[in-house]
N, C-alpha and C. Protein backbone atom coordinates (compact mmCIF):
# COMPACT_ATOMS: atom_id res chain seq x y z
N UNK A 1 0.82 -1.22 0.00
CA UNK A 1 0.01 0.01 0.00
C UNK A 1 0.90 1.24 -0.01
N UNK A 2 1.90 1.32 0.85
CA UNK A 2 2.73 2.47 0.91
C UNK A 2 3.42 2.76 -0.41
N UNK A 3 3.94 1.73 -1.04
CA UNK A 3 4.63 1.90 -2.29
C UNK A 3 3.66 2.34 -3.40
N UNK A 4 2.39 1.90 -3.31
CA UNK A 4 1.39 2.32 -4.25
C UNK A 4 1.15 3.85 -4.11
N UNK A 5 1.12 4.33 -2.92
CA UNK A 5 0.92 5.78 -2.66
C UNK A 5 2.12 6.56 -3.25
N UNK A 6 3.31 6.11 -2.96
CA UNK A 6 4.55 6.74 -3.50
C UNK A 6 4.49 6.76 -5.02
N UNK A 7 4.15 5.61 -5.61
CA UNK A 7 4.10 5.55 -7.07
C UNK A 7 3.08 6.49 -7.65
N UNK A 8 1.91 6.57 -7.00
CA UNK A 8 0.85 7.46 -7.46
C UNK A 8 1.31 8.93 -7.43
N UNK A 9 1.97 9.30 -6.36
CA UNK A 9 2.51 10.67 -6.25
C UNK A 9 3.54 10.93 -7.37
N UNK A 10 4.44 9.94 -7.56
CA UNK A 10 5.46 10.09 -8.59
C UNK A 10 4.85 10.15 -9.97
N UNK A 11 3.74 9.45 -10.20
CA UNK A 11 3.08 9.52 -11.51
C UNK A 11 2.38 10.88 -11.72
N UNK A 12 1.79 11.40 -10.65
CA UNK A 12 1.06 12.66 -10.77
C UNK A 12 1.98 13.89 -10.87
N UNK A 13 3.13 13.79 -10.19
CA UNK A 13 4.05 14.91 -10.14
C UNK A 13 5.40 14.48 -10.66
N UNK A 14 5.87 15.15 -11.70
CA UNK A 14 7.16 14.75 -12.27
C UNK A 14 8.29 14.97 -11.22
N UNK A 15 9.39 14.30 -11.50
CA UNK A 15 10.56 14.41 -10.60
C UNK A 15 11.04 15.86 -10.50
N UNK A 16 11.06 16.56 -11.62
CA UNK A 16 11.46 17.95 -11.61
C UNK A 16 10.53 18.81 -10.76
N UNK A 17 9.23 18.55 -10.86
CA UNK A 17 8.27 19.31 -10.10
C UNK A 17 8.43 19.02 -8.56
N UNK A 18 8.61 17.76 -8.26
CA UNK A 18 8.76 17.39 -6.83
C UNK A 18 10.05 18.01 -6.28
N UNK A 19 11.14 17.99 -7.04
CA UNK A 19 12.38 18.60 -6.61
C UNK A 19 12.21 20.10 -6.47
N UNK A 20 11.44 20.73 -7.41
CA UNK A 20 11.21 22.15 -7.41
C UNK A 20 10.41 22.58 -6.20
N UNK A 21 9.43 21.79 -5.81
CA UNK A 21 8.64 22.12 -4.61
C UNK A 21 9.50 22.20 -3.40
N UNK A 22 10.37 21.21 -3.20
CA UNK A 22 11.28 21.20 -2.07
C UNK A 22 12.24 22.36 -2.14
N UNK A 23 12.78 22.60 -3.32
CA UNK A 23 13.68 23.72 -3.53
C UNK A 23 13.03 25.06 -3.13
N UNK A 24 11.80 25.25 -3.58
CA UNK A 24 11.05 26.46 -3.31
C UNK A 24 10.83 26.62 -1.77
N UNK A 25 10.45 25.52 -1.12
CA UNK A 25 10.20 25.56 0.30
C UNK A 25 11.49 25.98 1.03
N UNK A 26 12.56 25.34 0.64
CA UNK A 26 13.85 25.68 1.31
C UNK A 26 14.26 27.15 1.05
N UNK A 27 14.01 27.61 -0.16
CA UNK A 27 14.36 29.01 -0.48
C UNK A 27 13.53 29.98 0.30
N UNK A 28 12.20 29.72 0.39
CA UNK A 28 11.30 30.60 1.12
C UNK A 28 11.63 30.59 2.64
N UNK A 29 12.02 29.41 3.14
CA UNK A 29 12.36 29.33 4.55
C UNK A 29 13.65 30.09 4.78
N UNK A 30 14.62 29.95 3.92
CA UNK A 30 15.90 30.66 4.04
C UNK A 30 15.70 32.15 4.02
N UNK A 31 14.85 32.61 3.09
CA UNK A 31 14.62 34.05 2.92
C UNK A 31 13.59 34.58 3.96
N UNK A 32 13.03 33.65 4.73
CA UNK A 32 12.00 34.01 5.71
C UNK A 32 10.85 34.77 5.08
N UNK A 33 10.49 34.37 3.87
CA UNK A 33 9.35 34.94 3.14
C UNK A 33 8.08 34.18 3.54
N UNK A 34 7.44 34.74 4.55
CA UNK A 34 6.28 34.02 5.18
C UNK A 34 5.14 33.78 4.17
N UNK A 35 4.86 34.76 3.32
CA UNK A 35 3.72 34.62 2.36
C UNK A 35 4.03 33.50 1.37
N UNK A 36 5.22 33.53 0.81
CA UNK A 36 5.60 32.48 -0.18
C UNK A 36 5.73 31.14 0.53
N UNK A 37 6.24 31.16 1.70
CA UNK A 37 6.39 29.95 2.51
C UNK A 37 5.05 29.32 2.75
N UNK A 38 4.06 30.11 3.13
CA UNK A 38 2.71 29.63 3.35
C UNK A 38 2.11 29.01 2.09
N UNK A 39 2.34 29.61 0.93
CA UNK A 39 1.82 29.06 -0.30
C UNK A 39 2.48 27.71 -0.61
N UNK A 40 3.77 27.62 -0.39
CA UNK A 40 4.48 26.34 -0.64
C UNK A 40 4.01 25.30 0.38
N UNK A 41 3.84 25.70 1.60
CA UNK A 41 3.36 24.70 2.64
C UNK A 41 1.99 24.22 2.31
N UNK A 42 1.17 25.11 1.77
CA UNK A 42 -0.22 24.69 1.42
C UNK A 42 -0.23 23.56 0.38
N UNK A 43 0.66 23.72 -0.60
CA UNK A 43 0.74 22.68 -1.65
C UNK A 43 1.18 21.33 -1.07
N UNK A 44 2.24 21.36 -0.28
CA UNK A 44 2.78 20.10 0.30
C UNK A 44 1.84 19.53 1.35
N UNK A 45 1.13 20.41 2.03
CA UNK A 45 0.09 19.96 2.98
C UNK A 45 -1.03 19.20 2.29
N UNK A 46 -1.41 19.66 1.10
CA UNK A 46 -2.44 18.95 0.34
C UNK A 46 -2.00 17.55 -0.02
N UNK A 47 -0.76 17.40 -0.45
CA UNK A 47 -0.21 16.11 -0.78
C UNK A 47 -0.10 15.26 0.51
N UNK A 48 0.34 15.88 1.56
CA UNK A 48 0.44 15.11 2.82
C UNK A 48 -0.91 14.66 3.31
N UNK A 49 -1.96 15.51 3.13
CA UNK A 49 -3.29 15.11 3.47
C UNK A 49 -3.78 13.93 2.64
N UNK A 50 -3.40 13.93 1.40
CA UNK A 50 -3.78 12.77 0.53
C UNK A 50 -3.12 11.51 1.06
N UNK A 51 -1.86 11.58 1.47
CA UNK A 51 -1.16 10.39 2.02
C UNK A 51 -1.90 9.90 3.27
N UNK A 52 -2.20 10.83 4.17
CA UNK A 52 -2.90 10.45 5.38
C UNK A 52 -4.24 9.86 5.07
N UNK A 53 -4.96 10.41 4.16
CA UNK A 53 -6.24 9.89 3.75
C UNK A 53 -6.12 8.51 3.16
N UNK A 54 -5.17 8.27 2.28
CA UNK A 54 -5.01 6.96 1.67
C UNK A 54 -4.63 5.88 2.68
N UNK A 55 -3.95 6.29 3.76
CA UNK A 55 -3.55 5.35 4.79
C UNK A 55 -4.67 5.17 5.83
N UNK A 56 -5.70 6.02 5.75
CA UNK A 56 -6.72 6.05 6.81
C UNK A 56 -6.10 6.28 8.17
N UNK A 57 -5.08 7.16 8.18
CA UNK A 57 -4.30 7.44 9.38
C UNK A 57 -5.02 8.47 10.19
N UNK A 58 -5.17 8.27 11.45
CA UNK A 58 -5.84 9.19 12.35
C UNK A 58 -4.97 9.41 13.59
N UNK A 59 -4.75 10.63 13.95
CA UNK A 59 -3.94 10.96 15.12
C UNK A 59 -4.57 10.33 16.39
N UNK A 60 -5.85 10.51 16.56
CA UNK A 60 -6.50 9.99 17.80
C UNK A 60 -6.40 8.48 17.90
N UNK A 61 -6.45 7.78 16.81
CA UNK A 61 -6.36 6.35 16.83
C UNK A 61 -4.93 5.86 17.04
N UNK A 62 -3.96 6.72 16.74
CA UNK A 62 -2.55 6.31 16.79
C UNK A 62 -1.83 6.94 17.94
N UNK A 63 -2.52 7.60 18.83
CA UNK A 63 -1.82 8.33 19.87
C UNK A 63 -0.98 7.48 20.80
N UNK A 64 -1.38 6.23 21.00
CA UNK A 64 -0.60 5.36 21.89
C UNK A 64 0.46 4.58 21.13
N UNK A 65 0.24 4.33 19.91
CA UNK A 65 1.21 3.59 19.06
C UNK A 65 1.56 4.50 17.88
N UNK A 66 2.52 5.41 18.11
CA UNK A 66 2.86 6.38 17.07
C UNK A 66 3.31 5.72 15.78
N UNK A 67 2.86 6.31 14.67
CA UNK A 67 3.16 5.74 13.35
C UNK A 67 3.60 6.90 12.44
N UNK A 68 4.87 6.87 12.05
CA UNK A 68 5.38 7.92 11.22
C UNK A 68 5.38 7.55 9.74
N UNK A 69 4.53 6.60 9.34
CA UNK A 69 4.44 6.18 7.94
C UNK A 69 4.18 7.35 7.00
N UNK A 70 3.28 8.27 7.29
CA UNK A 70 3.06 9.36 6.39
C UNK A 70 4.34 10.15 6.07
N UNK A 71 5.18 10.36 7.09
CA UNK A 71 6.42 11.08 6.89
C UNK A 71 7.41 10.27 6.03
N UNK A 72 7.42 8.97 6.26
CA UNK A 72 8.31 8.13 5.43
C UNK A 72 7.88 8.17 3.97
N UNK A 73 6.58 8.12 3.73
CA UNK A 73 6.10 8.16 2.35
C UNK A 73 6.43 9.48 1.65
N UNK A 74 6.18 10.58 2.32
CA UNK A 74 6.47 11.88 1.68
C UNK A 74 7.94 12.08 1.51
N UNK A 75 8.75 11.51 2.38
CA UNK A 75 10.21 11.58 2.20
C UNK A 75 10.66 10.82 1.02
N UNK A 76 10.03 9.68 0.75
CA UNK A 76 10.42 8.89 -0.42
C UNK A 76 9.94 9.58 -1.71
N UNK A 77 8.80 10.21 -1.71
CA UNK A 77 8.27 10.85 -2.91
C UNK A 77 8.92 12.19 -3.18
N UNK A 78 9.35 12.91 -2.14
CA UNK A 78 9.92 14.24 -2.29
C UNK A 78 11.32 14.26 -1.74
N UNK A 79 12.33 14.06 -2.56
CA UNK A 79 13.70 13.99 -2.09
C UNK A 79 14.08 15.31 -1.32
N UNK A 80 14.73 15.14 -0.21
CA UNK A 80 15.23 16.20 0.64
C UNK A 80 14.16 17.00 1.40
N UNK A 81 12.92 16.55 1.33
CA UNK A 81 11.86 17.23 2.08
C UNK A 81 12.17 17.24 3.62
N UNK A 82 12.91 16.23 4.06
CA UNK A 82 13.25 16.09 5.47
C UNK A 82 14.19 17.20 5.93
N UNK A 83 14.76 18.03 4.99
CA UNK A 83 15.61 19.13 5.37
C UNK A 83 14.84 20.42 5.59
N UNK A 84 13.55 20.40 5.41
CA UNK A 84 12.72 21.60 5.56
C UNK A 84 12.21 21.77 6.96
N UNK A 85 11.89 22.99 7.28
CA UNK A 85 11.22 23.27 8.55
C UNK A 85 9.83 22.65 8.61
N UNK A 86 9.18 22.63 7.43
CA UNK A 86 7.87 22.01 7.33
C UNK A 86 7.93 20.58 7.82
N UNK A 87 8.91 19.82 7.37
CA UNK A 87 9.04 18.42 7.77
C UNK A 87 9.36 18.29 9.26
N UNK A 88 10.26 19.14 9.73
CA UNK A 88 10.62 19.08 11.14
C UNK A 88 9.42 19.40 12.02
N UNK A 89 8.55 20.31 11.58
CA UNK A 89 7.31 20.62 12.34
C UNK A 89 6.40 19.41 12.35
N UNK A 90 6.29 18.70 11.26
CA UNK A 90 5.46 17.51 11.19
C UNK A 90 6.01 16.42 12.07
N UNK A 91 7.34 16.32 12.13
CA UNK A 91 7.95 15.32 13.01
C UNK A 91 7.59 15.55 14.46
N UNK A 92 7.53 16.78 14.87
CA UNK A 92 7.16 17.13 16.26
C UNK A 92 5.76 16.65 16.60
N UNK A 93 4.88 16.68 15.56
CA UNK A 93 3.47 16.29 15.77
C UNK A 93 3.32 14.79 15.70
N UNK A 94 4.06 14.11 14.81
CA UNK A 94 3.81 12.72 14.54
C UNK A 94 4.72 11.78 15.30
N UNK A 95 6.03 12.07 15.34
CA UNK A 95 6.91 11.10 15.96
C UNK A 95 6.84 11.13 17.45
N UNK A 96 7.10 9.95 18.08
CA UNK A 96 7.09 9.86 19.54
C UNK A 96 8.25 10.61 20.14
N UNK A 97 8.07 11.03 21.37
CA UNK A 97 9.16 11.71 22.09
C UNK A 97 10.12 10.66 22.52
N UNK A 98 11.39 11.00 22.38
CA UNK A 98 12.43 9.99 22.76
C UNK A 98 13.02 10.30 24.08
């Protein structure tokens, strides 16, 4: 199932587009351009919501057994997304405290 989601994302969005999205996010974060950053986050949030929806992932259902599968999937589909503040913010919400 996870690989199917990754493949679907890769089919819908070309490699150049996926790399460009991450590059734009990083650039907007570096420049601290809040408006542009928000627009970039909105796009990646929509894709992340699709992943969560396809997995039928729910925070309330997973609160005792944390599952970072959505982050793993988006990392595989969007190279270097894990270097963004967006990703780090999602990690704080999804990953268990160590």
